[in-house]
Amino acid sequence: MTAVHAATAPVYRIDRFVVPPAALDAFMDRVQRMQAALGGLAGCRTNLVLNSREGDASRVVTIVEWESTAAFDAAKAVMMKKYAAEGFDPAAFIRGNGIQADLGVYSAVAT
């Protein structure tokens, strides 16, 4: 199997989080605001938030499909500007709330 590298191939941002109960409300508020912002951007094909309870923690997965690398890069730039304007630091928010994060950008594999 090989990765599909065409500039017009879809790009998938898939992030997984383990969120302690005390941080869940603040985290989900942030995720919902991000989801609303991303869903309105050009090139966004799929924008999902999935949640599963496991013991005391919640597991949250976000999946966003972009039509191309260019659309993904443009969305990333928009979100970075938005966060800067709000004074929001996602990494500090995750660290400060004891959230475990596994963040990744994926491409389809040709079979």
C-alpha atoms as a PDB file:
ATOM      1  CA  MET A   1       0.000   0.000   0.000  1.00  0.00           C
ATOM      2  CA  THR A   2       1.196   3.515  -0.748  1.00  0.00           C
ATOM      3  CA  ALA A   3      -0.042   6.897   0.380  1.00  0.00           C
ATOM      4  CA  VAL A   4      -1.969   9.006  -2.098  1.00  0.00           C
ATOM      5  CA  HIS A   5       0.139  12.169  -2.498  1.00  0.00           C
ATOM      6  CA  ALA A   6      -1.771  14.177  -5.081  1.00  0.00           C
ATOM      7  CA  ALA A   7      -2.292  17.812  -4.088  1.00  0.00           C
ATOM      8  CA  THR A   8      -5.994  17.341  -4.709  1.00  0.00           C
ATOM      9  CA  ALA A   9      -6.342  14.223  -2.549  1.00  0.00           C
ATOM     10  CA  PRO A  10      -8.413  14.572   0.631  1.00  0.00           C
ATOM     11  CA  VAL A  11      -6.666  15.293   3.925  1.00  0.00           C
ATOM     12  CA  TYR A  12      -8.017  14.037   7.254  1.00  0.00           C
ATOM     13  CA  ARG A  13      -7.370  15.694  10.610  1.00  0.00           C
ATOM     14  CA  ILE A  14      -8.117  13.111  13.291  1.00  0.00           C
ATOM     15  CA  ASP A  15      -7.610  14.053  16.920  1.00  0.00           C
ATOM     16  CA  ARG A  16      -8.257  11.815  19.931  1.00  0.00           C
ATOM     17  CA  PHE A  17      -8.595  13.084  23.477  1.00  0.00           C
ATOM     18  CA  VAL A  18      -9.034  11.558  26.922  1.00  0.00           C
ATOM     19  CA  VAL A  19     -10.784  14.227  28.984  1.00  0.00           C
ATOM     20  CA  PRO A  20     -11.070  14.175  32.790  1.00  0.00           C
ATOM     21  CA  PRO A  21     -14.597  14.831  34.141  1.00  0.00           C
ATOM     22  CA  ALA A  22     -13.656  18.235  35.615  1.00  0.00           C
ATOM     23  CA  ALA A  23     -12.522  19.487  32.190  1.00  0.00           C
ATOM     24  CA  LEU A  24     -15.289  18.024  30.032  1.00  0.00           C
ATOM     25  CA  ASP A  25     -17.661  21.021  29.916  1.00  0.00           C
ATOM     26  CA  ALA A  26     -14.914  23.528  29.059  1.00  0.00           C
ATOM     27  CA  PHE A  27     -13.391  21.130  26.538  1.00  0.00           C
ATOM     28  CA  MET A  28     -16.678  20.402  24.772  1.00  0.00           C
ATOM     29  CA  ASP A  29     -17.449  24.132  24.615  1.00  0.00           C
ATOM     30  CA  ARG A  30     -14.128  24.668  22.818  1.00  0.00           C
ATOM     31  CA  VAL A  31     -14.693  21.690  20.507  1.00  0.00           C
ATOM     32  CA  GLN A  32     -18.185  22.889  19.551  1.00  0.00           C
ATOM     33  CA  ARG A  33     -16.887  26.393  18.755  1.00  0.00           C
ATOM     34  CA  MET A  34     -14.083  24.925  16.677  1.00  0.00           C
ATOM     35  CA  GLN A  35     -16.483  22.605  14.872  1.00  0.00           C
ATOM     36  CA  ALA A  36     -18.783  25.514  13.984  1.00  0.00           C
ATOM     37  CA  ALA A  37     -15.865  27.580  12.675  1.00  0.00           C
ATOM     38  CA  LEU A  38     -14.361  24.748  10.622  1.00  0.00           C
ATOM     39  CA  GLY A  39     -17.674  23.647   9.142  1.00  0.00           C
ATOM     40  CA  GLY A  40     -18.091  27.036   7.476  1.00  0.00           C
ATOM     41  CA  LEU A  41     -14.705  27.001   5.749  1.00  0.00           C
ATOM     42  CA  ALA A  42     -14.167  26.187   2.086  1.00  0.00           C
ATOM     43  CA  GLY A  43     -13.123  22.623   1.424  1.00  0.00           C
ATOM     44  CA  CYS A  44     -14.536  21.095   4.613  1.00  0.00           C
ATOM     45  CA  ARG A  45     -16.281  17.868   3.573  1.00  0.00           C
ATOM     46  CA  THR A  46     -16.853  16.103   6.894  1.00  0.00           C
ATOM     47  CA  ASN A  47     -16.772  17.522  10.408  1.00  0.00           C
ATOM     48  CA  LEU A  48     -17.529  15.026  13.176  1.00  0.00           C
ATOM     49  CA  VAL A  49     -17.204  14.966  16.940  1.00  0.00           C
ATOM     50  CA  LEU A  50     -17.569  11.557  18.604  1.00  0.00           C
ATOM     51  CA  ASN A  51     -17.753  10.918  22.338  1.00  0.00           C
ATOM     52  CA  SER A  52     -17.507   7.769  24.450  1.00  0.00           C
ATOM     53  CA  ARG A  53     -17.498   7.442  28.238  1.00  0.00           C
ATOM     54  CA  GLU A  54     -14.918   5.076  29.640  1.00  0.00           C
ATOM     55  CA  GLY A  55     -14.792   4.900  33.412  1.00  0.00           C
ATOM     56  CA  ASP A  56     -14.473   8.395  34.817  1.00  0.00           C
ATOM     57  CA  ALA A  57     -13.013   9.917  31.653  1.00  0.00           C
ATOM     58  CA  SER A  58     -14.578  10.781  28.334  1.00  0.00           C
ATOM     59  CA  ARG A  59     -12.937   9.878  25.069  1.00  0.00           C
ATOM     60  CA  VAL A  60     -13.538  12.423  22.344  1.00  0.00           C
ATOM     61  CA  VAL A  61     -12.531  12.005  18.703  1.00  0.00           C
ATOM     62  CA  THR A  62     -12.740  14.756  16.106  1.00  0.00           C
ATOM     63  CA  ILE A  63     -12.572  13.909  12.403  1.00  0.00           C
ATOM     64  CA  VAL A  64     -12.410  16.602   9.750  1.00  0.00           C
ATOM     65  CA  GLU A  65     -12.047  15.749   6.073  1.00  0.00           C
ATOM     66  CA  TRP A  66     -10.622  18.454   3.805  1.00  0.00           C
ATOM     67  CA  GLU A  67     -10.926  18.278   0.030  1.00  0.00           C
ATOM     68  CA  SER A  68      -7.197  18.983  -0.440  1.00  0.00           C
ATOM     69  CA  THR A  69      -3.952  19.946   1.246  1.00  0.00           C
ATOM     70  CA  ALA A  70      -4.555  23.551   0.176  1.00  0.00           C
ATOM     71  CA  ALA A  71      -7.960  23.598   1.893  1.00  0.00           C
ATOM     72  CA  PHE A  72      -6.442  22.083   5.044  1.00  0.00           C
ATOM     73  CA  ASP A  73      -3.578  24.605   5.082  1.00  0.00           C
ATOM     74  CA  ALA A  74      -5.984  27.520   4.570  1.00  0.00           C
ATOM     75  CA  ALA A  75      -8.216  26.302   7.420  1.00  0.00           C
ATOM     76  CA  LYS A  76      -5.225  25.888   9.706  1.00  0.00           C
ATOM     77  CA  ALA A  77      -4.187  29.485   9.019  1.00  0.00           C
ATOM     78  CA  VAL A  78      -7.720  30.754   9.725  1.00  0.00           C
ATOM     79  CA  MET A  79      -7.883  28.884  13.029  1.00  0.00           C
ATOM     80  CA  MET A  80      -4.441  30.087  14.119  1.00  0.00           C
ATOM     81  CA  LYS A  81      -5.527  33.696  13.502  1.00  0.00           C
ATOM     82  CA  LYS A  82      -8.790  33.081  15.360  1.00  0.00           C
ATOM     83  CA  TYR A  83      -6.983  31.619  18.364  1.00  0.00           C
ATOM     84  CA  ALA A  84      -4.469  34.484  18.384  1.00  0.00           C
ATOM     85  CA  ALA A  85      -7.295  37.047  18.312  1.00  0.00           C
ATOM     86  CA  GLU A  86      -8.973  35.278  21.254  1.00  0.00           C
ATOM     87  CA  GLY A  87      -5.709  34.864  23.160  1.00  0.00           C
ATOM     88  CA  PHE A  88      -6.340  31.114  23.224  1.00  0.00           C
ATOM     89  CA  ASP A  89      -3.443  28.650  23.386  1.00  0.00           C
ATOM     90  CA  PRO A  90      -4.752  25.144  22.571  1.00  0.00           C
ATOM     91  CA  ALA A  91      -1.631  23.368  23.865  1.00  0.00           C
ATOM     92  CA  ALA A  92      -1.760  25.240  27.188  1.00  0.00           C
ATOM     93  CA  PHE A  93      -5.500  24.521  27.485  1.00  0.00           C
ATOM     94  CA  ILE A  94      -4.911  20.797  26.958  1.00  0.00           C
ATOM     95  CA  ARG A  95      -1.983  20.685  29.392  1.00  0.00           C
ATOM     96  CA  GLY A  96      -3.708  22.826  32.012  1.00  0.00           C
ATOM     97  CA  ASN A  97      -6.792  20.623  32.047  1.00  0.00           C
ATOM     98  CA  GLY A  98      -4.980  17.285  32.231  1.00  0.00           C
ATOM     99  CA  ILE A  99      -6.271  16.235  28.820  1.00  0.00           C
ATOM    100  CA  GLN A 100      -4.414  13.514  26.916  1.00  0.00           C
ATOM    101  CA  ALA A 101      -4.224  14.290  23.205  1.00  0.00           C
ATOM    102  CA  ASP A 102      -3.211  12.315  20.126  1.00  0.00           C
ATOM    103  CA  LEU A 103      -3.329  14.707  17.152  1.00  0.00           C
ATOM    104  CA  GLY A 104      -2.721  13.726  13.551  1.00  0.00           C
ATOM    105  CA  VAL A 105      -3.058  14.571   9.889  1.00  0.00           C
ATOM    106  CA  TYR A 106      -3.731  11.608   7.623  1.00  0.00           C
ATOM    107  CA  SER A 107      -4.052  10.847   3.939  1.00  0.00           C
ATOM    108  CA  ALA A 108      -5.726   7.949   2.202  1.00  0.00           C
ATOM    109  CA  VAL A 109      -3.685   4.885   1.307  1.00  0.00           C
ATOM    110  CA  ALA A 110      -3.935   3.526  -2.205  1.00  0.00           C
ATOM    111  CA  THR A 111      -4.731  -0.157  -2.286  1.00  0.00           C
END
